[in-house]
Amino acid sequence: MNLLTATDNPEQGTTVDSLLQEITAVGLRLEGIDSTISTLAAANKSKCLDIAGFQSKVSDLEQRVVAVYDHLNTVTDGELRFHCIKLVDLENRGRGDNGFPEHIEGANIQAFLKETLPTISGISFDPSLEFQRAHRLGPKRAEDSCCPRPIIACLLHHTQAQQLITTACPRNHSKLMAVRYILWRTSPKRQMNVARHFYHPTLTYANWK
């Protein structure tokens, strides 16, 4: 019996060599695939790092936007309060820029009011107006002051005060804007308390009628 080796059979040796070449080629291909996979993995890692960086930047931008928004709200609120204060100040200045100019009354305020109040109210008083007292409120100011001190005057006769309150103000309100005056009813404290006690029943009766 004859035993043949691979070298003894030329065809079998060619087949083995061919298989070895194919295996070597497959190995080379696998190495190329492995290299490609490594390259893709590195690229994917780089992209992940880029995405993480973008997320960090987006988070930072969001924080900046929130900070800017809060700052804007603070500035807006501050400016709004500032302009409100300015508006109130201008309104107060406008309201203060009226009344009788400083020192126009001369040395006698009561005599000045006796002549002036009938003119601006459109009422002829008989007898003429009489005052318990009349004076400027506050320290003296310059003659050209844009905010003259108000004159505080207390009429002697109650009927004259009532006439001014009930007639002059409603009828001549538009004429009094250049020189503004305000009238109050004055009574003893005890009488005011009694009047206040009857105010609500009187109001209810007036509504019932």
Foldseek 3Di string as FASTA:
>chain_A
DDDADCVNDVVSVVVVVVVVVVVVVVVVVVVVVVVVVVVVVVVVVVVVVVVVVVVVVVVVVVVVVVVVVVVVVVVVVVVVVVVVVVVVVVVVLVQQQAADFACPCPPDVQVSCQVPVCVLQVDDDVVTWDWPDKDFPDDHDDRPDSGGTHMDTHTPDPVVLVCCVPRRCVPRVVSCPRHPDDGDDDDDPVVVVVCVVCVVVVVVVVVVD
